[in-house]
Amino acid sequence: MRALLQRVSRAEVREADDVLGSIGEGLVVLLGVGAHDAPPTADALARKVVDLRMFADEAGKTNRSLLEIDGEMLVVSQFTLYADTRRGRRPGFTPAAPPEVAEPIYERFCSAVESTGLVVARGRFGAEMFVELVNEGPFTIWLDTDESR
């Protein structure tokens, strides 16, 4: 799985004029599922994300996790994180899982985060959406479960 994490003061996702989800302080997670990913990977990645120290403590050091600040998370499915741009000018997406495989894993990630007690807002899987956010820092981190083994 691949996740792009952005620390935000607020964020919102819309489909046309319909607001699908919004959060205050927390993380926007753009989440891609690879063709060879399995459901247990979603659980491990969710735990990593909620425990990652990305928020400032009283001394201004990034020593606090999303759990510690009681933050919120906006998760948006993003198969384009698996774009293969090695050849030509048009990206290929065959490394991404097909929707019938990816959607349950995406939902499992969201449920695993919710099981920690955090609020999770979602986009609509497979929809064309508009994501608006205020990235604090800016502070953005890339996670790839294939690279972290």
N, C-alpha and C. Protein backbone atom coordinates (compact mmCIF):
# COMPACT_ATOMS: atom_id res chain seq x y z
N MET A 1 0.85 -1.18 0.00
CA MET A 1 0.00 0.00 0.00
C MET A 1 0.89 1.23 0.00
N ARG A 2 0.35 2.29 -0.52
CA ARG A 2 1.05 3.57 -0.51
C ARG A 2 0.15 4.62 0.11
N ALA A 3 0.75 5.45 0.94
CA ALA A 3 -0.01 6.50 1.61
C ALA A 3 0.80 7.79 1.59
N LEU A 4 0.16 8.85 1.19
CA LEU A 4 0.75 10.18 1.27
C LEU A 4 0.03 10.90 2.39
N LEU A 5 0.78 11.24 3.45
CA LEU A 5 0.22 11.86 4.65
C LEU A 5 0.52 13.34 4.63
N GLN A 6 -0.49 14.14 4.89
CA GLN A 6 -0.30 15.59 4.97
C GLN A 6 -0.91 16.08 6.27
N ARG A 7 -0.06 16.72 7.08
CA ARG A 7 -0.53 17.30 8.34
C ARG A 7 -1.31 18.56 8.00
N VAL A 8 -2.54 18.66 8.52
CA VAL A 8 -3.42 19.77 8.13
C VAL A 8 -4.06 20.43 9.35
N SER A 9 -4.43 21.69 9.15
CA SER A 9 -5.25 22.37 10.15
C SER A 9 -6.73 22.20 9.83
N ARG A 10 -7.03 21.92 8.55
CA ARG A 10 -8.39 21.61 8.13
C ARG A 10 -8.34 21.02 6.72
N ALA A 11 -9.37 20.25 6.38
CA ALA A 11 -9.45 19.66 5.04
C ALA A 11 -10.89 19.27 4.74
N GLU A 12 -11.17 19.16 3.45
CA GLU A 12 -12.51 18.81 3.00
C GLU A 12 -12.39 18.08 1.67
N VAL A 13 -13.29 17.13 1.44
CA VAL A 13 -13.37 16.46 0.15
C VAL A 13 -14.81 16.59 -0.36
N ARG A 14 -14.93 16.93 -1.66
CA ARG A 14 -16.25 17.12 -2.28
C ARG A 14 -16.34 16.31 -3.56
N GLU A 15 -17.56 15.96 -3.88
CA GLU A 15 -17.87 15.42 -5.20
C GLU A 15 -18.89 16.40 -5.78
N ALA A 16 -18.47 17.14 -6.80
CA ALA A 16 -19.26 18.27 -7.32
C ALA A 16 -19.51 19.24 -6.16
N ASP A 17 -20.76 19.56 -5.85
CA ASP A 17 -21.06 20.48 -4.75
C ASP A 17 -21.37 19.77 -3.44
N ASP A 18 -21.29 18.44 -3.44
CA ASP A 18 -21.63 17.64 -2.27
C ASP A 18 -20.40 17.40 -1.40
N VAL A 19 -20.41 17.91 -0.15
CA VAL A 19 -19.31 17.67 0.78
C VAL A 19 -19.43 16.24 1.30
N LEU A 20 -18.38 15.45 1.03
CA LEU A 20 -18.37 14.05 1.47
C LEU A 20 -17.79 13.90 2.87
N GLY A 21 -16.82 14.74 3.20
CA GLY A 21 -16.19 14.67 4.51
C GLY A 21 -15.33 15.88 4.76
N SER A 22 -15.18 16.22 6.04
CA SER A 22 -14.31 17.33 6.40
C SER A 22 -13.75 17.08 7.79
N ILE A 23 -12.57 17.63 8.04
CA ILE A 23 -11.91 17.48 9.33
C ILE A 23 -11.28 18.79 9.75
N GLY A 24 -10.96 18.87 11.04
CA GLY A 24 -10.16 19.95 11.57
C GLY A 24 -8.71 19.48 11.62
N GLU A 25 -8.02 19.75 12.72
CA GLU A 25 -6.61 19.39 12.84
C GLU A 25 -6.43 17.87 12.72
N GLY A 26 -5.46 17.49 11.90
CA GLY A 26 -5.20 16.06 11.74
C GLY A 26 -4.39 15.75 10.51
N LEU A 27 -4.78 14.66 9.85
CA LEU A 27 -4.06 14.18 8.68
C LEU A 27 -5.01 13.95 7.51
N VAL A 28 -4.57 14.34 6.33
CA VAL A 28 -5.18 13.88 5.09
C VAL A 28 -4.31 12.73 4.62
N VAL A 29 -4.96 11.60 4.33
CA VAL A 29 -4.25 10.42 3.86
C VAL A 29 -4.77 10.08 2.47
N LEU A 30 -3.91 10.24 1.47
CA LEU A 30 -4.22 9.76 0.13
C LEU A 30 -3.72 8.33 0.10
N LEU A 31 -4.63 7.37 -0.15
CA LEU A 31 -4.31 5.96 0.04
C LEU A 31 -4.48 5.17 -1.25
N GLY A 32 -3.38 4.50 -1.63
CA GLY A 32 -3.41 3.63 -2.81
C GLY A 32 -3.20 2.19 -2.40
N VAL A 33 -3.90 1.30 -3.07
CA VAL A 33 -3.77 -0.14 -2.81
C VAL A 33 -3.15 -0.78 -4.03
N GLY A 34 -2.07 -1.53 -3.79
CA GLY A 34 -1.37 -2.21 -4.87
C GLY A 34 -2.00 -3.55 -5.21
N ALA A 35 -1.69 -4.04 -6.39
CA ALA A 35 -2.27 -5.29 -6.89
C ALA A 35 -1.97 -6.48 -5.99
N HIS A 36 -0.89 -6.44 -5.24
CA HIS A 36 -0.50 -7.58 -4.41
C HIS A 36 -0.73 -7.34 -2.92
N ASP A 37 -1.44 -6.30 -2.57
CA ASP A 37 -1.70 -6.00 -1.16
C ASP A 37 -2.80 -6.90 -0.61
N ALA A 38 -2.70 -7.18 0.69
CA ALA A 38 -3.68 -8.03 1.37
C ALA A 38 -4.27 -7.26 2.54
N PRO A 39 -5.46 -7.65 3.00
CA PRO A 39 -6.12 -6.93 4.10
C PRO A 39 -5.27 -6.71 5.35
N PRO A 40 -4.45 -7.67 5.80
CA PRO A 40 -3.66 -7.40 7.01
C PRO A 40 -2.69 -6.23 6.87
N THR A 41 -2.29 -5.93 5.64
CA THR A 41 -1.40 -4.79 5.41
C THR A 41 -2.10 -3.49 5.80
N ALA A 42 -3.41 -3.42 5.59
CA ALA A 42 -4.17 -2.23 5.95
C ALA A 42 -4.13 -1.99 7.45
N ASP A 43 -4.23 -3.07 8.23
CA ASP A 43 -4.18 -2.94 9.69
C ASP A 43 -2.83 -2.39 10.15
N ALA A 44 -1.75 -2.95 9.61
CA ALA A 44 -0.40 -2.53 10.00
C ALA A 44 -0.15 -1.08 9.59
N LEU A 45 -0.58 -0.71 8.40
CA LEU A 45 -0.37 0.66 7.94
C LEU A 45 -1.19 1.64 8.79
N ALA A 46 -2.41 1.27 9.12
CA ALA A 46 -3.25 2.14 9.96
C ALA A 46 -2.57 2.39 11.30
N ARG A 47 -2.03 1.35 11.90
CA ARG A 47 -1.34 1.50 13.20
C ARG A 47 -0.13 2.42 13.06
N LYS A 48 0.63 2.25 11.98
CA LYS A 48 1.81 3.09 11.73
C LYS A 48 1.39 4.56 11.62
N VAL A 49 0.34 4.82 10.86
CA VAL A 49 -0.09 6.20 10.61
C VAL A 49 -0.58 6.87 11.89
N VAL A 50 -1.39 6.20 12.68
CA VAL A 50 -1.92 6.85 13.88
C VAL A 50 -0.86 7.05 14.95
N ASP A 51 0.21 6.24 14.92
CA ASP A 51 1.28 6.35 15.91
C ASP A 51 2.45 7.23 15.47
N LEU A 52 2.50 7.59 14.20
CA LEU A 52 3.62 8.38 13.67
C LEU A 52 3.63 9.77 14.31
N ARG A 53 4.77 10.17 14.82
CA ARG A 53 4.88 11.46 15.51
C ARG A 53 5.08 12.58 14.49
N MET A 54 4.00 13.25 14.17
CA MET A 54 4.00 14.31 13.17
C MET A 54 3.52 15.65 13.71
N PHE A 55 3.19 15.70 15.00
CA PHE A 55 2.60 16.92 15.57
C PHE A 55 3.49 17.45 16.69
N ALA A 56 3.50 18.76 16.81
CA ALA A 56 4.40 19.42 17.76
C ALA A 56 3.93 19.25 19.20
N ASP A 57 4.92 19.12 20.09
CA ASP A 57 4.66 19.13 21.52
C ASP A 57 4.80 20.56 22.02
N GLU A 58 4.80 20.74 23.34
CA GLU A 58 4.87 22.09 23.92
C GLU A 58 6.19 22.79 23.57
N ALA A 59 7.24 22.03 23.30
CA ALA A 59 8.54 22.61 22.96
C ALA A 59 8.70 22.83 21.45
N GLY A 60 7.66 22.51 20.68
CA GLY A 60 7.73 22.71 19.23
C GLY A 60 8.37 21.55 18.47
N LYS A 61 8.69 20.47 19.14
CA LYS A 61 9.28 19.29 18.49
C LYS A 61 8.17 18.35 18.03
N THR A 62 8.39 17.65 16.93
CA THR A 62 7.37 16.72 16.42
C THR A 62 7.43 15.41 17.22
N ASN A 63 6.86 15.45 18.39
CA ASN A 63 6.87 14.31 19.31
C ASN A 63 5.49 13.73 19.59
N ARG A 64 4.46 14.25 18.95
CA ARG A 64 3.10 13.79 19.27
C ARG A 64 2.45 13.14 18.05
N SER A 65 1.73 12.08 18.31
CA SER A 65 1.04 11.35 17.25
C SER A 65 -0.38 11.89 17.07
N LEU A 66 -1.04 11.43 16.04
CA LEU A 66 -2.43 11.79 15.81
C LEU A 66 -3.29 11.36 16.99
N LEU A 67 -3.00 10.20 17.55
CA LEU A 67 -3.74 9.73 18.73
C LEU A 67 -3.53 10.68 19.91
N GLU A 68 -2.30 11.12 20.10
CA GLU A 68 -1.98 11.96 21.26
C GLU A 68 -2.63 13.34 21.18
N ILE A 69 -2.86 13.83 19.97
CA ILE A 69 -3.52 15.15 19.86
C ILE A 69 -5.03 15.01 19.68
N ASP A 70 -5.52 13.76 19.64
CA ASP A 70 -6.93 13.49 19.38
C ASP A 70 -7.36 14.17 18.09
N GLY A 71 -6.52 13.98 17.05
CA GLY A 71 -6.78 14.59 15.75
C GLY A 71 -7.80 13.80 14.95
N GLU A 72 -8.02 14.26 13.75
CA GLU A 72 -8.97 13.63 12.84
C GLU A 72 -8.23 13.22 11.57
N MET A 73 -8.84 12.33 10.80
CA MET A 73 -8.22 11.86 9.57
C MET A 73 -9.24 11.90 8.44
N LEU A 74 -8.79 12.39 7.29
CA LEU A 74 -9.56 12.35 6.06
C LEU A 74 -8.83 11.40 5.12
N VAL A 75 -9.49 10.31 4.72
CA VAL A 75 -8.87 9.31 3.87
C VAL A 75 -9.53 9.35 2.50
N VAL A 76 -8.70 9.49 1.46
CA VAL A 76 -9.18 9.57 0.09
C VAL A 76 -8.46 8.49 -0.72
N SER A 77 -9.24 7.64 -1.39
CA SER A 77 -8.63 6.60 -2.22
C SER A 77 -7.91 7.26 -3.40
N GLN A 78 -6.74 6.72 -3.75
CA GLN A 78 -5.91 7.37 -4.76
C GLN A 78 -5.09 6.32 -5.51
N PHE A 79 -5.72 5.65 -6.49
CA PHE A 79 -5.01 4.63 -7.24
C PHE A 79 -3.85 5.21 -8.04
N THR A 80 -3.89 6.52 -8.30
CA THR A 80 -2.83 7.14 -9.09
C THR A 80 -1.48 7.16 -8.37
N LEU A 81 -1.46 6.84 -7.06
CA LEU A 81 -0.18 6.71 -6.36
C LEU A 81 0.64 5.55 -6.93
N TYR A 82 -0.01 4.68 -7.68
CA TYR A 82 0.67 3.55 -8.32
C TYR A 82 0.96 3.81 -9.80
N ALA A 83 0.99 5.05 -10.21
CA ALA A 83 1.28 5.38 -11.60
C ALA A 83 2.67 4.89 -11.99
N ASP A 84 2.75 4.23 -13.12
CA ASP A 84 4.02 3.80 -13.70
C ASP A 84 4.34 4.76 -14.84
N THR A 85 5.38 5.57 -14.65
CA THR A 85 5.73 6.60 -15.63
C THR A 85 7.06 6.32 -16.31
N ARG A 86 7.52 5.08 -16.23
CA ARG A 86 8.84 4.75 -16.79
C ARG A 86 8.89 4.82 -18.30
N ARG A 87 7.77 4.62 -18.98
CA ARG A 87 7.78 4.62 -20.44
C ARG A 87 6.74 5.58 -20.97
N GLY A 88 7.09 6.28 -22.02
CA GLY A 88 6.14 7.16 -22.68
C GLY A 88 5.72 8.34 -21.83
N ARG A 89 4.63 8.96 -22.29
CA ARG A 89 4.14 10.15 -21.60
C ARG A 89 2.82 9.92 -20.88
N ARG A 90 2.24 8.74 -21.06
CA ARG A 90 0.97 8.44 -20.41
C ARG A 90 1.20 7.43 -19.29
N PRO A 91 0.85 7.77 -18.06
CA PRO A 91 1.06 6.84 -16.95
C PRO A 91 0.22 5.57 -17.11
N GLY A 92 0.79 4.47 -16.67
CA GLY A 92 0.05 3.21 -16.61
C GLY A 92 -0.30 2.93 -15.16
N PHE A 93 -1.38 2.22 -14.93
CA PHE A 93 -1.85 1.98 -13.57
C PHE A 93 -2.01 0.50 -13.24
N THR A 94 -1.38 -0.38 -14.02
CA THR A 94 -1.50 -1.81 -13.76
C THR A 94 -0.95 -2.23 -12.39
N PRO A 95 0.00 -1.49 -11.78
CA PRO A 95 0.44 -1.88 -10.43
C PRO A 95 -0.62 -1.67 -9.35
N ALA A 96 -1.67 -0.89 -9.65
CA ALA A 96 -2.74 -0.65 -8.68
C ALA A 96 -3.70 -1.83 -8.66
N ALA A 97 -4.27 -2.09 -7.51
CA ALA A 97 -5.26 -3.16 -7.40
C ALA A 97 -6.54 -2.75 -8.13
N PRO A 98 -7.25 -3.70 -8.71
CA PRO A 98 -8.54 -3.37 -9.33
C PRO A 98 -9.54 -2.96 -8.24
N PRO A 99 -10.54 -2.19 -8.60
CA PRO A 99 -11.48 -1.66 -7.60
C PRO A 99 -12.10 -2.72 -6.69
N GLU A 100 -12.44 -3.88 -7.22
CA GLU A 100 -13.09 -4.90 -6.39
C GLU A 100 -12.15 -5.47 -5.33
N VAL A 101 -10.84 -5.33 -5.52
CA VAL A 101 -9.85 -5.74 -4.52
C VAL A 101 -9.50 -4.55 -3.62
N ALA A 102 -9.33 -3.39 -4.23
CA ALA A 102 -8.85 -2.22 -3.50
C ALA A 102 -9.88 -1.66 -2.51
N GLU A 103 -11.14 -1.63 -2.89
CA GLU A 103 -12.14 -0.99 -2.02
C GLU A 103 -12.25 -1.65 -0.64
N PRO A 104 -12.32 -2.99 -0.54
CA PRO A 104 -12.39 -3.58 0.80
C PRO A 104 -11.13 -3.32 1.64
N ILE A 105 -9.98 -3.23 0.99
CA ILE A 105 -8.74 -2.95 1.73
C ILE A 105 -8.72 -1.49 2.19
N TYR A 106 -9.18 -0.59 1.34
CA TYR A 106 -9.32 0.82 1.71
C TYR A 106 -10.26 0.95 2.92
N GLU A 107 -11.41 0.27 2.86
CA GLU A 107 -12.36 0.32 3.97
C GLU A 107 -11.77 -0.30 5.25
N ARG A 108 -10.98 -1.35 5.08
CA ARG A 108 -10.36 -1.97 6.26
C ARG A 108 -9.38 -1.00 6.92
N PHE A 109 -8.61 -0.26 6.12
CA PHE A 109 -7.70 0.76 6.67
C PHE A 109 -8.51 1.78 7.48
N CYS A 110 -9.58 2.30 6.90
CA CYS A 110 -10.42 3.29 7.59
C CYS A 110 -10.99 2.72 8.88
N SER A 111 -11.48 1.50 8.84
CA SER A 111 -12.05 0.87 10.04
C SER A 111 -11.00 0.65 11.11
N ALA A 112 -9.78 0.28 10.69
CA ALA A 112 -8.70 0.07 11.66
C ALA A 112 -8.36 1.38 12.36
N VAL A 113 -8.36 2.48 11.65
CA VAL A 113 -8.12 3.79 12.28
C VAL A 113 -9.28 4.13 13.22
N GLU A 114 -10.50 3.92 12.77
CA GLU A 114 -11.67 4.21 13.62
C GLU A 114 -11.66 3.38 14.90
N SER A 115 -11.12 2.17 14.84
CA SER A 115 -11.09 1.31 16.03
C SER A 115 -10.20 1.88 17.13
N THR A 116 -9.35 2.86 16.80
CA THR A 116 -8.52 3.51 17.81
C THR A 116 -9.28 4.64 18.51
N GLY A 117 -10.48 4.94 18.04
CA GLY A 117 -11.28 6.01 18.62
C GLY A 117 -11.21 7.32 17.87
N LEU A 118 -10.40 7.37 16.81
CA LEU A 118 -10.27 8.61 16.04
C LEU A 118 -11.42 8.78 15.06
N VAL A 119 -11.73 10.02 14.74
CA VAL A 119 -12.73 10.35 13.73
C VAL A 119 -12.09 10.19 12.36
N VAL A 120 -12.78 9.48 11.47
CA VAL A 120 -12.29 9.28 10.10
C VAL A 120 -13.37 9.74 9.13
N ALA A 121 -13.02 10.73 8.32
CA ALA A 121 -13.89 11.16 7.23
C ALA A 121 -13.35 10.50 5.96
N ARG A 122 -14.23 10.25 5.02
CA ARG A 122 -13.83 9.54 3.80
C ARG A 122 -14.29 10.29 2.55
N GLY A 123 -13.55 10.04 1.50
CA GLY A 123 -14.04 10.40 0.19
C GLY A 123 -14.94 9.28 -0.29
N ARG A 124 -15.35 9.31 -1.56
CA ARG A 124 -16.16 8.24 -2.14
C ARG A 124 -15.26 7.42 -3.05
N PHE A 125 -15.12 6.15 -2.74
CA PHE A 125 -14.22 5.29 -3.49
C PHE A 125 -14.57 5.32 -4.97
N GLY A 126 -13.57 5.56 -5.81
CA GLY A 126 -13.74 5.54 -7.25
C GLY A 126 -14.34 6.79 -7.86
N ALA A 127 -14.71 7.75 -7.05
CA ALA A 127 -15.33 8.98 -7.57
C ALA A 127 -14.26 10.00 -7.93
N GLU A 128 -14.62 10.90 -8.82
CA GLU A 128 -13.76 12.05 -9.09
C GLU A 128 -14.12 13.12 -8.08
N MET A 129 -13.13 13.51 -7.29
CA MET A 129 -13.39 14.39 -6.14
C MET A 129 -12.48 15.61 -6.16
N PHE A 130 -12.83 16.56 -5.32
CA PHE A 130 -12.03 17.75 -5.09
C PHE A 130 -11.59 17.72 -3.63
N VAL A 131 -10.29 17.76 -3.41
CA VAL A 131 -9.75 17.76 -2.06
C VAL A 131 -9.16 19.14 -1.79
N GLU A 132 -9.61 19.76 -0.72
CA GLU A 132 -9.10 21.07 -0.32
C GLU A 132 -8.51 20.92 1.07
N LEU A 133 -7.29 21.43 1.24
CA LEU A 133 -6.66 21.28 2.55
C LEU A 133 -5.71 22.43 2.82
N VAL A 134 -5.44 22.63 4.11
CA VAL A 134 -4.42 23.57 4.54
C VAL A 134 -3.33 22.73 5.18
N ASN A 135 -2.23 22.56 4.46
CA ASN A 135 -1.10 21.73 4.91
C ASN A 135 -0.25 22.55 5.85
N GLU A 136 -0.13 22.09 7.08
CA GLU A 136 0.68 22.80 8.09
C GLU A 136 2.13 22.41 7.94
N GLY A 137 2.98 23.38 7.88
CA GLY A 137 4.42 23.13 7.82
C GLY A 137 5.06 23.77 6.60
N PRO A 138 4.86 23.26 5.41
CA PRO A 138 4.14 22.04 5.07
C PRO A 138 4.85 20.79 5.59
N PHE A 139 4.06 19.82 5.96
CA PHE A 139 4.58 18.58 6.52
C PHE A 139 3.88 17.44 5.79
N THR A 140 4.64 16.76 4.92
CA THR A 140 4.11 15.70 4.09
C THR A 140 5.05 14.51 4.14
N ILE A 141 4.49 13.31 4.34
CA ILE A 141 5.29 12.09 4.44
C ILE A 141 4.72 11.04 3.50
N TRP A 142 5.63 10.31 2.86
CA TRP A 142 5.29 9.23 1.94
C TRP A 142 5.57 7.90 2.62
N LEU A 143 4.60 7.01 2.63
CA LEU A 143 4.78 5.66 3.17
C LEU A 143 4.48 4.65 2.07
N ASP A 144 5.31 3.64 1.96
CA ASP A 144 5.11 2.56 1.01
C ASP A 144 5.38 1.26 1.75
N THR A 145 4.38 0.41 1.90
CA THR A 145 4.56 -0.81 2.69
C THR A 145 5.57 -1.76 2.06
N ASP A 146 5.74 -1.71 0.74
CA ASP A 146 6.74 -2.57 0.09
C ASP A 146 8.16 -2.14 0.47
N GLU A 147 8.36 -0.85 0.70
CA GLU A 147 9.70 -0.35 1.04
C GLU A 147 10.01 -0.46 2.53
N SER A 148 8.98 -0.67 3.36
CA SER A 148 9.21 -0.67 4.80
C SER A 148 9.44 -2.07 5.37
N ARG A 149 9.49 -3.07 4.52
CA ARG A 149 9.70 -4.44 5.00
C ARG A 149 11.16 -4.70 5.27
